[in-house]
Amino acid sequence: MIHPLQETTRCRTSKPRHLLVQALEQHLHSSPGLEHLLVHKRGNHLYIAHPGSIEAPDQLDPVLRLTHIGSLRYGLSIRLHTGRWEPVPLNGTMEDVLMAAVKMFGPWLEQR
């Protein structure tokens, strides 16, 4: 039998995934060749990243960032080789921004 305190502790450590993360991953994974990409959220940003290497699977390599800019609108940035984020002159709904990002930056999203 599990002690109630142990059950509470276990629930506290398992972090539920944010609904926006789930929605963005579903959109990504519905496109052929993008099933490997991962999404995570930090603040107002949703990051699209390549999974880490076999040696360091927890070290994600972010490529694109969608930023909530108000209401249901998002902006887009691409990560440069320097690690800085360069805004892309594009905004719209999450789905519209994602569709445009896949068209514009498809080679950056392909599996490595």
C-alpha atoms as a PDB file:
ATOM      1  CA  MET A   1       0.000   0.000   0.000  1.00  0.00           C
ATOM      2  CA  ILE A   2       1.274   3.475  -0.885  1.00  0.00           C
ATOM      3  CA  HIS A   3       1.384   5.932   1.959  1.00  0.00           C
ATOM      4  CA  PRO A   4      -0.667   9.099   1.168  1.00  0.00           C
ATOM      5  CA  LEU A   5       2.413  11.279   1.677  1.00  0.00           C
ATOM      6  CA  GLN A   6       4.395   9.240  -0.847  1.00  0.00           C
ATOM      7  CA  GLU A   7       1.593   9.535  -3.393  1.00  0.00           C
ATOM      8  CA  THR A   8       1.442  13.309  -2.938  1.00  0.00           C
ATOM      9  CA  THR A   9       5.193  13.589  -3.326  1.00  0.00           C
ATOM     10  CA  ARG A  10       5.144  11.507  -6.492  1.00  0.00           C
ATOM     11  CA  CYS A  11       2.372  13.665  -7.993  1.00  0.00           C
ATOM     12  CA  ARG A  12       4.243  16.835  -7.116  1.00  0.00           C
ATOM     13  CA  THR A  13       7.385  15.720  -8.919  1.00  0.00           C
ATOM     14  CA  SER A  14       5.616  14.628 -12.127  1.00  0.00           C
ATOM     15  CA  LYS A  15       5.098  17.843 -14.060  1.00  0.00           C
ATOM     16  CA  PRO A  16       2.069  17.960 -16.369  1.00  0.00           C
ATOM     17  CA  ARG A  17       2.750  19.249 -19.880  1.00  0.00           C
ATOM     18  CA  HIS A  18       1.285  22.631 -20.768  1.00  0.00           C
ATOM     19  CA  LEU A  19      -1.659  22.551 -23.205  1.00  0.00           C
ATOM     20  CA  LEU A  20       0.080  24.923 -25.641  1.00  0.00           C
ATOM     21  CA  VAL A  21       3.121  22.622 -25.699  1.00  0.00           C
ATOM     22  CA  GLN A  22       0.886  19.670 -26.506  1.00  0.00           C
ATOM     23  CA  ALA A  23      -0.971  21.592 -29.240  1.00  0.00           C
ATOM     24  CA  LEU A  24       2.244  22.834 -30.876  1.00  0.00           C
ATOM     25  CA  GLU A  25       3.794  19.353 -30.809  1.00  0.00           C
ATOM     26  CA  GLN A  26       0.660  17.878 -32.394  1.00  0.00           C
ATOM     27  CA  HIS A  27       0.852  20.428 -35.228  1.00  0.00           C
ATOM     28  CA  LEU A  28       4.558  19.759 -35.730  1.00  0.00           C
ATOM     29  CA  HIS A  29       4.251  15.986 -35.618  1.00  0.00           C
ATOM     30  CA  SER A  30       1.443  16.035 -38.196  1.00  0.00           C
ATOM     31  CA  SER A  31       3.997  17.308 -40.755  1.00  0.00           C
ATOM     32  CA  PRO A  32       6.144  14.593 -42.351  1.00  0.00           C
ATOM     33  CA  GLY A  33       9.759  14.642 -41.209  1.00  0.00           C
ATOM     34  CA  LEU A  34       9.145  16.754 -38.095  1.00  0.00           C
ATOM     35  CA  GLU A  35       8.147  13.984 -35.670  1.00  0.00           C
ATOM     36  CA  HIS A  36      11.529  14.171 -33.930  1.00  0.00           C
ATOM     37  CA  LEU A  37      11.140  17.795 -32.764  1.00  0.00           C
ATOM     38  CA  LEU A  38      10.368  18.633 -29.148  1.00  0.00           C
ATOM     39  CA  VAL A  39       8.543  21.615 -27.680  1.00  0.00           C
ATOM     40  CA  HIS A  40       9.002  23.205 -24.283  1.00  0.00           C
ATOM     41  CA  LYS A  41       7.664  26.374 -22.657  1.00  0.00           C
ATOM     42  CA  ARG A  42       9.454  28.968 -20.604  1.00  0.00           C
ATOM     43  CA  GLY A  43       7.639  32.183 -19.701  1.00  0.00           C
ATOM     44  CA  ASN A  44       5.883  33.621 -22.777  1.00  0.00           C
ATOM     45  CA  HIS A  45       8.031  31.541 -25.133  1.00  0.00           C
ATOM     46  CA  LEU A  46       7.422  28.183 -26.806  1.00  0.00           C
ATOM     47  CA  TYR A  47      10.675  26.625 -28.018  1.00  0.00           C
ATOM     48  CA  ILE A  48      10.945  24.151 -30.888  1.00  0.00           C
ATOM     49  CA  ALA A  49      14.082  22.086 -30.403  1.00  0.00           C
ATOM     50  CA  HIS A  50      16.022  19.119 -31.723  1.00  0.00           C
ATOM     51  CA  PRO A  51      16.528  16.360 -29.165  1.00  0.00           C
ATOM     52  CA  GLY A  52      19.943  16.090 -27.543  1.00  0.00           C
ATOM     53  CA  SER A  53      22.632  13.700 -28.665  1.00  0.00           C
ATOM     54  CA  ILE A  54      22.875  10.132 -27.413  1.00  0.00           C
ATOM     55  CA  GLU A  55      25.565  11.247 -24.949  1.00  0.00           C
ATOM     56  CA  ALA A  56      23.448  14.126 -23.588  1.00  0.00           C
ATOM     57  CA  PRO A  57      19.751  13.466 -24.334  1.00  0.00           C
ATOM     58  CA  ASP A  58      18.577  16.174 -21.908  1.00  0.00           C
ATOM     59  CA  GLN A  59      20.522  18.901 -23.750  1.00  0.00           C
ATOM     60  CA  LEU A  60      17.957  20.156 -26.260  1.00  0.00           C
ATOM     61  CA  ASP A  61      19.065  22.250 -29.236  1.00  0.00           C
ATOM     62  CA  PRO A  62      16.427  25.001 -29.716  1.00  0.00           C
ATOM     63  CA  VAL A  63      15.885  26.204 -33.282  1.00  0.00           C
ATOM     64  CA  LEU A  64      12.738  28.349 -33.271  1.00  0.00           C
ATOM     65  CA  ARG A  65      10.918  30.341 -30.617  1.00  0.00           C
ATOM     66  CA  LEU A  66       7.299  31.426 -30.680  1.00  0.00           C
ATOM     67  CA  THR A  67       6.561  34.322 -28.343  1.00  0.00           C
ATOM     68  CA  HIS A  68       3.101  35.227 -27.097  1.00  0.00           C
ATOM     69  CA  ILE A  69       2.602  38.891 -28.039  1.00  0.00           C
ATOM     70  CA  GLY A  70      -0.995  39.374 -26.951  1.00  0.00           C
ATOM     71  CA  SER A  71      -4.451  37.913 -27.333  1.00  0.00           C
ATOM     72  CA  LEU A  72      -4.023  34.838 -29.565  1.00  0.00           C
ATOM     73  CA  ARG A  73      -1.019  36.208 -31.472  1.00  0.00           C
ATOM     74  CA  TYR A  74       2.554  34.930 -31.571  1.00  0.00           C
ATOM     75  CA  GLY A  75       5.811  36.227 -32.971  1.00  0.00           C
ATOM     76  CA  LEU A  76       8.649  34.118 -34.338  1.00  0.00           C
ATOM     77  CA  SER A  77      12.423  34.144 -33.741  1.00  0.00           C
ATOM     78  CA  ILE A  78      15.193  31.909 -35.057  1.00  0.00           C
ATOM     79  CA  ARG A  79      18.265  30.970 -33.058  1.00  0.00           C
ATOM     80  CA  LEU A  80      21.521  32.097 -34.613  1.00  0.00           C
ATOM     81  CA  HIS A  81      24.804  30.195 -34.432  1.00  0.00           C
ATOM     82  CA  THR A  82      25.888  32.660 -31.719  1.00  0.00           C
ATOM     83  CA  GLY A  83      23.001  31.557 -29.495  1.00  0.00           C
ATOM     84  CA  ARG A  84      21.154  34.861 -29.860  1.00  0.00           C
ATOM     85  CA  TRP A  85      17.560  35.016 -31.051  1.00  0.00           C
ATOM     86  CA  GLU A  86      16.800  36.951 -34.245  1.00  0.00           C
ATOM     87  CA  PRO A  87      13.180  38.105 -34.600  1.00  0.00           C
ATOM     88  CA  VAL A  88      11.485  37.211 -37.878  1.00  0.00           C
ATOM     89  CA  PRO A  89       9.019  39.846 -39.175  1.00  0.00           C
ATOM     90  CA  LEU A  90       6.038  37.552 -38.825  1.00  0.00           C
ATOM     91  CA  ASN A  91       3.153  37.266 -36.386  1.00  0.00           C
ATOM     92  CA  GLY A  92      -0.251  35.638 -36.243  1.00  0.00           C
ATOM     93  CA  THR A  93      -2.057  32.766 -34.613  1.00  0.00           C
ATOM     94  CA  MET A  94       0.108  29.933 -33.327  1.00  0.00           C
ATOM     95  CA  GLU A  95      -0.967  27.693 -36.204  1.00  0.00           C
ATOM     96  CA  ASP A  96      -0.323  30.371 -38.873  1.00  0.00           C
ATOM     97  CA  VAL A  97       3.113  31.205 -37.468  1.00  0.00           C
ATOM     98  CA  LEU A  98       4.033  27.531 -37.259  1.00  0.00           C
ATOM     99  CA  MET A  99       2.936  26.844 -40.852  1.00  0.00           C
ATOM    100  CA  ALA A 100       4.967  29.810 -42.117  1.00  0.00           C
ATOM    101  CA  ALA A 101       7.973  28.784 -39.998  1.00  0.00           C
ATOM    102  CA  VAL A 102       7.949  25.254 -41.430  1.00  0.00           C
ATOM    103  CA  LYS A 103       7.868  26.687 -44.970  1.00  0.00           C
ATOM    104  CA  MET A 104      10.633  29.243 -44.318  1.00  0.00           C
ATOM    105  CA  PHE A 105      12.923  27.239 -42.044  1.00  0.00           C
ATOM    106  CA  GLY A 106      12.279  23.647 -43.110  1.00  0.00           C
ATOM    107  CA  PRO A 107      15.992  22.807 -43.545  1.00  0.00           C
ATOM    108  CA  TRP A 108      16.727  23.928 -39.963  1.00  0.00           C
ATOM    109  CA  LEU A 109      13.980  21.637 -38.692  1.00  0.00           C
ATOM    110  CA  GLU A 110      15.042  18.490 -40.528  1.00  0.00           C
ATOM    111  CA  GLN A 111      16.377  15.619 -38.462  1.00  0.00           C
ATOM    112  CA  ARG A 112      20.126  15.714 -37.909  1.00  0.00           C
END
